[in-house]
Amino acid sequence: MRISFERTGGFAGMIKTKTFDSADLSENEANQLPQLVEAANFYNLPPDISVPPNQPDRFQYTLTVEQEDRKHTVKVSEAAVPGNLKPLVEWLNSK
């Protein structure tokens, strides 16, 4: 499993990008990642989850998950992260 994560926006407008490959993670992390993706029901999320404009200084997240023959990208604003996706976003953002 491979996940590309990008966080943009925020007060300072800084960009954070990181790629996670389960082959490069510790055994514990490599086991956690697919569980978080599955709990988020990631492949069934719409490609764009946003809130109305006028949300200054909020982060925007772009997540792309590649697993075997599947690939899905979701763009989501900080204020609109669904509860089932939040643990995955928090995990990725903490690394």
C-alpha atoms as a PDB file:
ATOM      1  CA  MET A   1       0.000   0.000   0.000  1.00  0.00           C
ATOM      2  CA  ARG A   2       1.217   3.453  -0.868  1.00  0.00           C
ATOM      3  CA  ILE A   3      -0.319   6.724   0.309  1.00  0.00           C
ATOM      4  CA  SER A   4       0.547  10.199  -0.915  1.00  0.00           C
ATOM      5  CA  PHE A   5      -0.473  12.936   1.519  1.00  0.00           C
ATOM      6  CA  GLU A   6      -0.474  16.674   0.949  1.00  0.00           C
ATOM      7  CA  ARG A   7      -1.581  19.404   3.339  1.00  0.00           C
ATOM      8  CA  THR A   8      -1.892  22.943   2.007  1.00  0.00           C
ATOM      9  CA  GLY A   9      -3.261  26.208   3.346  1.00  0.00           C
ATOM     10  CA  GLY A  10      -3.418  27.235   6.947  1.00  0.00           C
ATOM     11  CA  PHE A  11      -2.417  30.587   8.385  1.00  0.00           C
ATOM     12  CA  ALA A  12       1.149  30.488   7.029  1.00  0.00           C
ATOM     13  CA  GLY A  13       0.193  28.823   3.741  1.00  0.00           C
ATOM     14  CA  MET A  14       2.826  26.126   4.190  1.00  0.00           C
ATOM     15  CA  ILE A  15       2.735  22.904   2.179  1.00  0.00           C
ATOM     16  CA  LYS A  16       3.455  19.516   3.716  1.00  0.00           C
ATOM     17  CA  THR A  17       3.850  16.498   1.445  1.00  0.00           C
ATOM     18  CA  LYS A  18       4.772  12.973   2.348  1.00  0.00           C
ATOM     19  CA  THR A  19       4.539   9.541   0.779  1.00  0.00           C
ATOM     20  CA  PHE A  20       4.022   6.440   2.873  1.00  0.00           C
ATOM     21  CA  ASP A  21       4.865   3.000   1.520  1.00  0.00           C
ATOM     22  CA  SER A  22       3.936   0.058   3.727  1.00  0.00           C
ATOM     23  CA  ALA A  23       7.138  -1.690   2.623  1.00  0.00           C
ATOM     24  CA  ASP A  24       9.159   1.096   4.274  1.00  0.00           C
ATOM     25  CA  LEU A  25       7.204   1.331   7.521  1.00  0.00           C
ATOM     26  CA  SER A  26       7.690  -0.517  10.778  1.00  0.00           C
ATOM     27  CA  GLU A  27       5.639  -3.694  11.095  1.00  0.00           C
ATOM     28  CA  ASN A  28       3.245  -1.984  13.506  1.00  0.00           C
ATOM     29  CA  GLU A  29       2.711   1.017  11.208  1.00  0.00           C
ATOM     30  CA  ALA A  30       2.428  -1.212   8.130  1.00  0.00           C
ATOM     31  CA  ASN A  31      -0.405  -3.057   9.913  1.00  0.00           C
ATOM     32  CA  GLN A  32      -2.135   0.144  11.093  1.00  0.00           C
ATOM     33  CA  LEU A  33      -2.287   1.861   7.735  1.00  0.00           C
ATOM     34  CA  PRO A  34      -4.594  -0.594   5.889  1.00  0.00           C
ATOM     35  CA  GLN A  35      -6.849  -0.715   8.943  1.00  0.00           C
ATOM     36  CA  LEU A  36      -7.196   3.072   8.911  1.00  0.00           C
ATOM     37  CA  VAL A  37      -7.913   3.070   5.172  1.00  0.00           C
ATOM     38  CA  GLU A  38     -10.545   0.367   5.573  1.00  0.00           C
ATOM     39  CA  ALA A  39     -12.167   2.073   8.578  1.00  0.00           C
ATOM     40  CA  ALA A  40     -12.393   5.274   6.521  1.00  0.00           C
ATOM     41  CA  ASN A  41     -14.171   3.371   3.742  1.00  0.00           C
ATOM     42  CA  PHE A  42     -11.677   5.322   1.645  1.00  0.00           C
ATOM     43  CA  TYR A  43     -12.389   3.840  -1.783  1.00  0.00           C
ATOM     44  CA  ASN A  44     -16.059   4.791  -1.456  1.00  0.00           C
ATOM     45  CA  LEU A  45     -15.442   8.427  -0.507  1.00  0.00           C
ATOM     46  CA  PRO A  46     -16.160  11.074  -3.148  1.00  0.00           C
ATOM     47  CA  PRO A  47     -13.103  12.615  -4.814  1.00  0.00           C
ATOM     48  CA  ASP A  48     -13.912  16.087  -3.472  1.00  0.00           C
ATOM     49  CA  ILE A  49     -15.267  16.832   0.001  1.00  0.00           C
ATOM     50  CA  SER A  50     -15.441  20.540   0.629  1.00  0.00           C
ATOM     51  CA  VAL A  51     -17.300  23.200   2.520  1.00  0.00           C
ATOM     52  CA  PRO A  52     -18.542  26.518   1.185  1.00  0.00           C
ATOM     53  CA  PRO A  53     -15.914  29.210   0.595  1.00  0.00           C
ATOM     54  CA  ASN A  54     -15.046  31.770   3.269  1.00  0.00           C
ATOM     55  CA  GLN A  55     -13.067  29.312   5.347  1.00  0.00           C
ATOM     56  CA  PRO A  56      -9.784  31.253   5.490  1.00  0.00           C
ATOM     57  CA  ASP A  57      -6.717  29.712   7.061  1.00  0.00           C
ATOM     58  CA  ARG A  58      -8.118  26.182   6.901  1.00  0.00           C
ATOM     59  CA  PHE A  59      -6.026  23.263   5.727  1.00  0.00           C
ATOM     60  CA  GLN A  60      -6.812  21.325   2.578  1.00  0.00           C
ATOM     61  CA  TYR A  61      -5.788  17.666   2.389  1.00  0.00           C
ATOM     62  CA  THR A  62      -5.190  15.533  -0.679  1.00  0.00           C
ATOM     63  CA  LEU A  63      -4.810  11.801  -0.090  1.00  0.00           C
ATOM     64  CA  THR A  64      -4.080   9.240  -2.773  1.00  0.00           C
ATOM     65  CA  VAL A  65      -4.165   5.567  -1.836  1.00  0.00           C
ATOM     66  CA  GLU A  66      -2.716   2.940  -4.159  1.00  0.00           C
ATOM     67  CA  GLN A  67      -3.185  -0.708  -3.312  1.00  0.00           C
ATOM     68  CA  GLU A  68      -2.717  -3.515  -5.793  1.00  0.00           C
ATOM     69  CA  ASP A  69      -4.825  -2.516  -8.804  1.00  0.00           C
ATOM     70  CA  ARG A  70      -6.804   0.196  -6.983  1.00  0.00           C
ATOM     71  CA  LYS A  71      -6.064   3.911  -6.842  1.00  0.00           C
ATOM     72  CA  HIS A  72      -8.267   6.628  -5.393  1.00  0.00           C
ATOM     73  CA  THR A  73      -7.710  10.297  -4.575  1.00  0.00           C
ATOM     74  CA  VAL A  74      -9.720  12.362  -2.121  1.00  0.00           C
ATOM     75  CA  LYS A  75      -9.429  16.127  -1.616  1.00  0.00           C
ATOM     76  CA  VAL A  76     -10.978  17.335   1.605  1.00  0.00           C
ATOM     77  CA  SER A  77     -11.043  20.599   3.502  1.00  0.00           C
ATOM     78  CA  GLU A  78     -10.165  20.571   7.182  1.00  0.00           C
ATOM     79  CA  ALA A  79     -13.655  21.654   8.196  1.00  0.00           C
ATOM     80  CA  ALA A  80     -15.285  18.875   6.165  1.00  0.00           C
ATOM     81  CA  VAL A  81     -13.225  15.804   7.124  1.00  0.00           C
ATOM     82  CA  PRO A  82     -15.780  13.044   7.806  1.00  0.00           C
ATOM     83  CA  GLY A  83     -15.512  11.267  11.143  1.00  0.00           C
ATOM     84  CA  ASN A  84     -14.531   7.976   9.510  1.00  0.00           C
ATOM     85  CA  LEU A  85     -11.651   9.681   7.622  1.00  0.00           C
ATOM     86  CA  LYS A  86     -10.381  11.752  10.544  1.00  0.00           C
ATOM     87  CA  PRO A  87      -8.204   9.018  12.162  1.00  0.00           C
ATOM     88  CA  LEU A  88      -6.384   8.413   8.851  1.00  0.00           C
ATOM     89  CA  VAL A  89      -5.815  12.142   8.268  1.00  0.00           C
ATOM     90  CA  GLU A  90      -4.568  12.577  11.843  1.00  0.00           C
ATOM     91  CA  TRP A  91      -2.209   9.586  11.519  1.00  0.00           C
ATOM     92  CA  LEU A  92      -0.751  10.856   8.247  1.00  0.00           C
ATOM     93  CA  ASN A  93      -0.485  14.419   9.511  1.00  0.00           C
ATOM     94  CA  SER A  94       1.370  13.318  12.657  1.00  0.00           C
ATOM     95  CA  LYS A  95       4.184  11.660  10.721  1.00  0.00           C
END
